[in-house]
Protein backbone atom coordinates (compact mmCIF):
# COMPACT_ATOMS: atom_id res chain seq x y z
CA MET A 1 -57.26 63.85 -20.05
CA GLY A 2 -57.08 67.50 -18.70
CA LEU A 3 -56.48 70.68 -20.18
CA GLY A 4 -53.29 71.02 -21.53
CA LEU A 5 -51.23 67.75 -21.19
CA ALA A 6 -51.30 67.65 -25.05
CA ALA A 7 -49.13 70.38 -25.59
CA TYR A 8 -46.22 67.70 -24.17
CA ALA A 9 -44.72 66.25 -26.86
CA PHE A 10 -42.99 63.05 -25.28
CA GLY A 11 -39.86 61.37 -26.81
CA PRO A 12 -38.29 58.20 -26.33
CA PHE A 13 -38.45 57.30 -22.07
CA PRO A 14 -38.44 53.64 -21.65
CA ALA A 15 -41.90 51.86 -20.11
CA ASP A 16 -39.76 50.23 -17.71
CA ARG A 17 -38.18 53.53 -16.27
CA TRP A 18 -41.44 55.74 -15.40
CA CYS A 19 -43.59 52.84 -13.32
CA ALA A 20 -43.71 54.59 -9.93
CA TYR A 21 -40.34 55.31 -7.64
CA ARG A 22 -40.61 53.51 -4.71
CA SER A 23 -39.57 55.04 -1.58
CA VAL A 24 -36.98 53.20 0.99
CA MET A 25 -36.34 53.41 4.37
CA ASP A 26 -33.37 54.94 5.99
CA THR A 27 -31.35 53.06 8.01
CA THR A 28 -28.60 55.23 8.76
CA GLY A 29 -29.92 56.76 11.47
CA THR A 30 -29.27 60.01 9.91
CA LEU A 31 -33.19 60.91 9.30
CA ASP A 32 -33.67 60.38 13.01
CA GLU A 33 -30.63 62.75 13.68
CA ALA A 34 -32.17 65.53 11.59
CA LEU A 35 -35.53 65.36 13.33
CA GLN A 36 -34.12 65.07 16.67
CA ARG A 37 -32.04 68.75 15.28
CA LEU A 38 -35.35 70.02 13.98
CA HIS A 39 -37.33 69.07 17.06
CA ALA A 40 -35.48 71.75 18.82
CA ALA A 41 -37.27 74.23 16.20
CA GLY A 42 -40.77 75.53 15.60
CA PRO A 43 -43.40 74.41 13.23
CA GLU A 44 -43.54 78.00 11.95
CA ARG A 45 -41.92 81.18 11.26
CA ASN A 46 -42.50 84.44 10.39
CA GLY A 47 -45.64 84.14 12.37
CA ARG A 48 -47.12 81.56 9.78
CA LEU A 49 -45.17 80.55 7.36
CA THR A 50 -44.35 76.70 7.41
CA ASN A 51 -41.02 75.28 8.65
CA HIS A 52 -40.52 72.38 5.50
CA ALA A 53 -37.51 71.16 6.80
CA PRO A 54 -38.87 67.83 8.59
CA MET A 55 -40.95 67.17 5.41
CA VAL A 56 -38.19 67.70 3.03
CA VAL A 57 -35.67 65.44 5.14
CA GLU A 58 -38.50 62.50 5.55
CA ALA A 59 -38.47 63.08 1.41
CA LEU A 60 -34.57 62.62 0.87
CA ALA A 61 -34.07 59.95 3.25
CA ALA A 62 -36.85 58.27 1.89
CA ARG A 63 -35.33 58.72 -1.96
CA GLY A 64 -32.39 57.31 -0.74
CA ARG A 65 -30.64 60.61 -0.26
CA ALA A 66 -29.87 60.26 3.45
CA GLY A 67 -25.86 61.38 2.50
CA GLN A 68 -27.50 65.15 1.70
CA VAL A 69 -29.83 65.88 4.61
CA HIS A 70 -27.61 67.28 6.55
CA ARG A 71 -25.93 69.63 3.79
CA TRP A 72 -29.11 70.86 3.12
CA LEU A 73 -30.30 70.96 6.45
CA ASP A 74 -27.32 73.71 6.89
CA LEU A 75 -28.60 75.62 4.00
CA TYR A 76 -32.35 76.03 6.11
CA ARG A 77 -31.01 76.61 8.95
CA ARG A 78 -31.56 80.27 8.62
CA LYS A 79 -35.52 79.55 7.93
CA LEU A 80 -35.65 78.14 11.28
CA GLU A 81 -36.71 79.87 14.46
CA GLU A 82 -37.02 78.16 17.88
CA PHE A 83 -39.51 76.34 19.47
CA PRO A 84 -42.19 78.32 20.76
CA THR A 85 -43.70 78.77 24.66
CA ALA A 86 -45.63 76.29 25.71
CA THR A 87 -49.04 78.58 28.03
CA GLU A 88 -51.09 75.77 28.95
CA ARG A 89 -51.25 72.12 29.08
CA VAL A 90 -53.63 70.39 26.59
CA THR A 91 -56.32 67.57 28.30
CA ALA A 92 -58.93 65.63 27.47
CA ALA A 93 -60.88 67.68 28.63
CA ASN A 94 -60.31 70.99 27.68
CA TRP A 95 -59.39 70.02 23.85
CA PRO A 96 -62.36 71.54 21.99
CA GLU A 97 -61.11 75.20 23.29
CA ALA A 98 -57.61 74.95 22.06
CA LEU A 99 -58.86 73.34 18.57
CA GLY A 100 -57.71 75.83 15.84
CA ASP A 101 -55.49 78.46 18.36
CA PRO A 102 -51.94 78.97 16.63
CA ARG A 103 -50.80 80.50 19.96
CA ARG A 104 -50.95 77.14 21.67
CA LEU A 105 -48.76 75.57 19.26
CA ALA A 106 -46.32 74.04 22.21
CA ASP A 107 -49.55 72.69 24.15
CA TRP A 108 -50.44 70.84 21.55
CA ILE A 109 -47.28 69.19 20.79
CA GLY A 110 -46.76 68.68 24.06
CA TYR A 111 -50.36 66.28 23.92
CA PHE A 112 -49.67 64.34 21.59
CA GLU A 113 -45.80 63.64 22.63
CA ARG A 114 -48.20 62.80 25.71
CA GLU A 115 -50.38 60.22 23.86
CA LEU A 116 -47.76 59.07 21.55
CA ALA A 117 -46.07 57.77 24.46
CA ASP A 118 -49.16 55.79 25.63
CA ARG A 119 -50.52 54.75 23.02
CA PRO A 120 -49.89 53.00 19.99
CA TRP A 121 -49.59 55.18 16.84
CA ARG A 122 -52.13 54.20 14.98
CA GLU A 123 -54.35 54.55 17.37
CA VAL A 124 -53.63 57.92 18.49
CA LEU A 125 -53.73 58.84 14.46
CA GLY A 126 -57.66 56.80 14.46
CA GLN A 127 -58.82 58.41 16.81
CA TRP A 128 -57.89 61.94 16.15
CA TRP A 129 -57.76 61.74 12.23
CA PRO A 130 -61.51 62.27 12.25
CA ARG A 131 -61.73 65.00 14.58
CA LEU A 132 -58.73 67.13 12.21
CA LEU A 133 -59.81 66.04 8.65
CA PRO A 134 -62.84 69.04 8.76
CA GLY A 135 -59.70 71.50 9.73
CA LEU A 136 -57.36 70.26 7.19
CA TYR A 137 -56.90 73.66 5.35
CA GLY A 138 -55.59 75.24 7.81
CA GLY A 139 -51.59 76.39 7.51
CA SER A 140 -52.66 76.31 4.03
CA THR A 141 -52.68 72.40 4.13
CA HIS A 142 -49.11 72.02 5.64
CA PRO A 143 -49.81 70.16 8.93
CA VAL A 144 -51.70 67.56 6.94
CA ILE A 145 -48.30 67.23 4.40
CA ARG A 146 -45.81 67.21 7.84
CA VAL A 147 -48.24 64.21 8.75
CA GLY A 148 -48.59 62.30 5.44
CA HIS A 149 -44.28 62.32 5.62
CA ALA A 150 -44.29 61.23 9.22
CA VAL A 151 -46.76 58.29 8.52
CA ARG A 152 -44.67 57.23 5.55
CA THR A 153 -41.72 56.65 7.94
CA LEU A 154 -43.77 55.15 10.72
CA LEU A 155 -45.22 52.85 8.29
CA GLY A 156 -41.65 51.92 6.70
CA ALA A 157 -39.68 50.86 9.49
CA GLN A 158 -39.67 49.73 13.32
CA PRO A 159 -41.09 53.41 14.88
CA THR A 160 -37.84 55.20 16.43
CA GLY A 161 -38.58 58.16 19.33
CA PRO A 162 -37.92 60.74 17.03
CA ARG A 163 -40.20 59.34 14.38
CA LEU A 164 -42.93 59.21 16.84
CA ALA A 165 -42.07 62.65 17.70
CA GLU A 166 -42.14 64.01 14.42
CA LEU A 167 -45.63 62.75 14.30
CA ALA A 168 -46.40 64.46 17.25
CA HIS A 169 -44.99 67.62 15.58
CA GLY A 170 -47.11 67.43 13.04
CA LEU A 171 -50.65 66.36 14.47
CA GLY A 172 -49.80 69.32 17.05
CA TYR A 173 -49.24 71.48 14.08
CA TRP A 174 -52.78 70.75 12.46
CA ALA A 175 -54.86 70.90 15.77
CA ALA A 176 -52.89 74.36 16.01
CA ARG A 177 -53.85 75.67 13.21
CA TYR A 178 -57.37 73.54 12.57
CA ARG A 179 -59.31 75.74 10.00
CA PRO A 180 -62.69 74.30 8.76
CA LEU A 181 -63.98 76.33 5.50
CA ALA A 182 -67.35 77.34 5.74
CA GLN A 183 -70.26 75.67 3.62
CA LEU A 184 -69.48 75.06 0.05
CA ALA A 185 -71.63 75.27 -2.88
CA ASP A 186 -71.83 71.97 -5.27
CA GLY A 187 -70.93 73.72 -8.62
CA PRO A 188 -70.93 71.43 -11.85
CA GLY A 189 -70.82 67.51 -11.63
CA GLY A 190 -70.95 64.53 -13.18
CA PHE A 191 -67.01 64.53 -14.91
CA ALA A 192 -65.80 61.07 -15.57
CA ASP A 193 -62.50 62.08 -13.89
CA ALA A 194 -60.73 63.88 -11.97
CA ASP A 195 -58.32 65.61 -14.50
CA ALA A 196 -61.57 66.77 -15.92
CA ALA A 197 -63.22 67.61 -12.36
CA LEU A 198 -60.24 69.87 -12.25
CA ASP A 199 -60.42 71.29 -15.26
CA ALA A 200 -63.82 72.60 -14.39
CA VAL A 201 -63.13 74.71 -10.72
CA SER A 202 -63.76 78.17 -11.42
CA PRO A 203 -61.27 80.75 -9.92
CA ILE A 204 -62.26 83.30 -7.38
CA ALA A 205 -63.11 86.33 -8.60
CA GLU A 206 -60.68 88.35 -6.58
CA ARG A 207 -57.26 86.58 -6.13
CA THR A 208 -54.98 88.83 -4.06
CA GLY A 209 -53.91 88.61 -0.57
CA GLY A 210 -52.22 85.74 1.37
CA PHE A 211 -54.44 81.47 1.46
CA PRO A 212 -56.50 82.07 4.59
CA GLU A 213 -57.88 85.33 2.55
CA ARG A 214 -58.48 83.50 -0.51
CA LEU A 215 -59.86 80.15 1.35
CA ALA A 216 -62.44 82.76 2.60
CA ARG A 217 -63.59 83.54 -0.83
CA VAL A 218 -64.07 79.96 -1.84
CA THR A 219 -67.66 79.18 -1.93
CA ALA A 220 -68.43 76.77 -4.52
CA LEU A 221 -66.41 73.68 -6.00
CA PRO A 222 -67.40 70.79 -8.63
CA ALA A 223 -69.22 68.16 -7.47
CA TRP A 224 -66.68 65.52 -9.02
CA PRO A 225 -68.37 62.01 -8.79
CA GLY A 226 -65.17 59.77 -7.19
CA VAL A 227 -65.80 61.57 -3.90
CA LEU A 228 -68.35 58.68 -3.43
CA ALA A 229 -66.32 55.90 -3.74
CA GLU A 230 -67.04 52.87 -2.07
CA PRO A 231 -64.38 52.31 0.84
CA ALA A 232 -62.49 49.96 -1.56
CA LEU A 233 -62.60 52.52 -4.14
CA ALA A 234 -61.55 55.21 -2.66
CA ARG A 235 -57.67 54.73 -2.56
CA ALA A 236 -57.44 54.44 -6.21
CA ARG A 237 -60.14 57.74 -6.80
CA LEU A 238 -57.47 59.14 -4.61
CA ALA A 239 -54.27 58.02 -6.04
CA GLU A 240 -55.97 59.61 -9.69
CA LEU A 241 -56.57 62.65 -8.09
CA VAL A 242 -52.78 63.07 -6.95
CA ARG A 243 -52.44 62.48 -10.26
CA ALA A 244 -54.32 64.56 -12.17
CA ALA A 245 -52.71 67.55 -9.88
CA THR A 246 -49.26 66.78 -10.59
CA HIS A 247 -50.10 66.20 -14.27
CA ARG A 248 -51.73 69.56 -13.92
CA TYR A 249 -49.10 71.58 -13.04
CA ALA A 250 -46.90 71.26 -15.76
CA THR A 251 -49.34 73.00 -17.55
CA HIS A 252 -50.89 75.25 -15.13
CA GLY A 253 -48.08 76.01 -12.48
CA HIS A 254 -47.13 78.77 -13.53
CA GLY A 255 -50.25 80.78 -11.59
CA GLU A 256 -48.55 80.75 -8.73
CA PRO A 257 -45.57 78.24 -8.10
CA THR A 258 -45.38 77.65 -4.64
CA MET A 259 -49.36 77.86 -3.47
CA LEU A 260 -49.94 75.12 -6.71
CA VAL A 261 -47.70 72.96 -5.20
CA HIS A 262 -50.57 72.18 -2.77
CA ALA A 263 -53.16 71.04 -5.04
CA ALA A 264 -51.22 67.87 -5.25
CA THR A 265 -48.78 67.76 -2.27
CA ALA A 266 -52.41 67.74 0.30
CA PRO A 267 -53.93 64.69 -1.05
CA ASN A 268 -50.79 62.92 -1.08
CA ALA A 269 -50.47 63.36 1.93
CA VAL A 270 -53.74 62.37 3.11
CA LEU A 271 -53.04 59.15 0.26
CA ARG A 272 -50.16 58.19 2.23
CA ALA A 273 -51.98 58.19 5.63
CA LEU A 274 -54.82 55.23 4.22
CA PRO A 275 -52.99 52.57 4.75
CA ALA A 276 -52.82 53.59 8.77
CA LEU A 277 -56.18 54.40 9.09
CA PRO A 278 -59.55 52.16 9.85
CA ALA A 279 -61.50 51.57 6.50
CA ARG A 280 -64.38 53.74 7.61
CA LEU A 281 -62.32 56.81 7.48
CA TRP A 282 -60.91 56.83 3.61
CA VAL A 283 -64.01 58.26 2.02
CA PRO A 284 -64.27 61.58 4.46
CA SER A 285 -60.81 61.57 3.96
CA LEU A 286 -61.27 61.48 -0.39
CA HIS A 287 -63.74 64.04 0.07
CA ALA A 288 -61.40 66.22 1.95
CA ALA A 289 -58.70 65.95 -0.07
CA TRP A 290 -60.41 66.69 -3.31
CA THR A 291 -61.92 69.78 -1.24
CA ALA A 292 -58.31 70.68 -0.35
CA SER A 293 -57.11 70.63 -3.96
CA ALA A 294 -59.98 71.78 -5.62
CA ALA A 295 -59.86 75.00 -3.41
CA VAL A 296 -56.19 75.83 -4.39
CA THR A 297 -57.15 74.81 -8.16
CA ALA A 298 -59.26 77.89 -7.02
CA MET A 299 -57.64 80.36 -5.39
CA TYR A 300 -54.44 80.39 -7.21
CA ALA A 301 -54.93 78.87 -11.31
CA PRO A 302 -54.22 81.45 -14.15
CA ASP A 303 -55.82 82.47 -16.62
CA GLY A 304 -54.50 80.14 -19.16
CA LEU A 305 -52.49 77.01 -20.05
CA SER A 306 -48.52 77.74 -19.96
CA ALA A 307 -46.61 78.07 -23.54
CA GLY A 308 -43.21 76.96 -23.76
CA VAL A 309 -42.84 74.59 -21.97
CA ALA A 310 -40.06 72.15 -22.32
CA PRO A 311 -40.53 68.47 -22.43
CA LEU A 312 -39.52 65.50 -21.01
CA THR A 313 -37.37 63.40 -22.82
CA SER A 314 -35.27 60.42 -21.33
CA LEU A 315 -34.64 61.79 -17.86
CA GLY A 316 -35.42 58.91 -15.38
CA PRO A 317 -37.10 59.71 -12.38
CA GLU A 318 -33.26 59.11 -10.23
CA GLU A 319 -32.23 61.82 -12.65
CA VAL A 320 -35.44 64.10 -11.89
CA PHE A 321 -35.18 64.55 -8.26
CA ASP A 322 -31.38 65.33 -8.39
CA ARG A 323 -32.04 68.06 -10.47
CA ALA A 324 -34.91 68.74 -7.71
CA LEU A 325 -32.04 68.51 -5.09
CA ALA A 326 -29.73 70.32 -6.78
CA HIS A 327 -32.16 73.18 -7.04
CA GLY A 328 -32.77 73.32 -3.60
CA ASP A 329 -36.07 74.65 -3.37
CA GLU A 330 -38.98 72.56 -0.22
CA HIS A 331 -41.72 72.50 -2.73
CA VAL A 332 -40.25 72.02 -5.40
CA ILE A 333 -38.33 68.72 -3.96
CA LYS A 334 -41.79 67.85 -2.01
CA LEU A 335 -43.65 68.49 -5.56
CA THR A 336 -40.49 66.17 -6.86
CA ASP A 337 -41.74 63.82 -4.01
CA THR A 338 -45.05 63.23 -5.47
CA ALA A 339 -43.89 62.55 -8.60
CA LEU A 340 -42.05 60.26 -8.29
CA ASP A 341 -44.89 58.55 -6.23
CA VAL A 342 -46.89 58.87 -9.75
CA GLY A 343 -44.31 58.29 -11.68
CA ASP A 344 -45.31 58.56 -15.08
CA PRO A 345 -43.95 61.19 -17.76
CA ARG A 346 -46.10 63.80 -17.13
CA ALA A 347 -45.32 63.98 -13.60
CA LEU A 348 -41.81 64.13 -13.92
CA ALA A 349 -42.68 66.68 -16.48
CA ALA A 350 -44.60 68.70 -13.97
CA ALA A 351 -41.63 68.18 -11.76
CA LEU A 352 -39.18 69.88 -13.53
CA ARG A 353 -41.15 72.03 -14.51
CA SER A 354 -41.17 73.61 -10.94
CA VAL A 355 -37.33 73.48 -11.01
CA GLU A 356 -38.02 76.17 -13.87
CA LEU A 357 -40.24 78.63 -11.91
CA SER A 358 -39.06 78.34 -8.84
CA GLU A 359 -36.25 80.67 -7.08
CA PRO A 360 -33.59 78.13 -5.88
CA LEU A 361 -32.79 77.55 -2.24
CA ALA A 362 -29.17 79.95 -1.99
């Protein structure tokens, strides 16, 4: 068990209420309407900050809150910027030179829109996933998170035009913000589980600057044996990592309430994509997800455990999600969405902790 979880004195919580809270598929058309509305906006704002709206509206629809989607968007719309201008067409011949160039956001999205119009979406995803996976860390891991939300929607229902377009926007954002990590040295190893491995992550010495600056200072991470799992076990190991990172937020999220969310949501995005990927890609996906979660932990870990966190009593998953929605912050909603995937009381405590730590959407 990871550090700090013993600090929670969980109250009565009926066992039949903390199984994983399954998502549902929106059949009202609201999600498609919202995605069409959002595809007129760019994936970023203010030069580098991420547009979280497509991920949040997908989470709201998946959790049975489609009726709240447009209301939430009306509150968030001040953070949207116009879609960027295209510069030069990305093609099968010139894509390597455009990879990782954020000036080519519109070019990359256009490329994937054409690809998805011509070929099945799983085929496009399977071709590009291994190309993009080494650069999962760009855009503060938001591109892969956006792709994970898009894939969940496509797996759950017949693809529609707006949902395929959303996958194109996510993949295009990932390609434009592609950023690999420098060669990492292995830190201590031999950990029995993901909890212990995350506990062993050493914070970087200088915790100043933004995500790109901090990422450049990550030079070594613990060697978690779980990443060496056979493909048949990779999904279980990845779910273990998501659970450990989500639990850890309850006791460590105060270190940086927004950025530490990604230690859980980035690997969960990879987990959501696995069913759409060939099994040969599962182990490298697990390795990349571990590296992302551990790197975020190293970059933003606090110096100690949180004190005085209120215990979770009898709140169920739907009640916790309603609290996140009432709060409104995009990272709170996305972490709560991941916590509901995990589905146990510690994960729900982490979601409630994010509500306490974060500024609400005004």
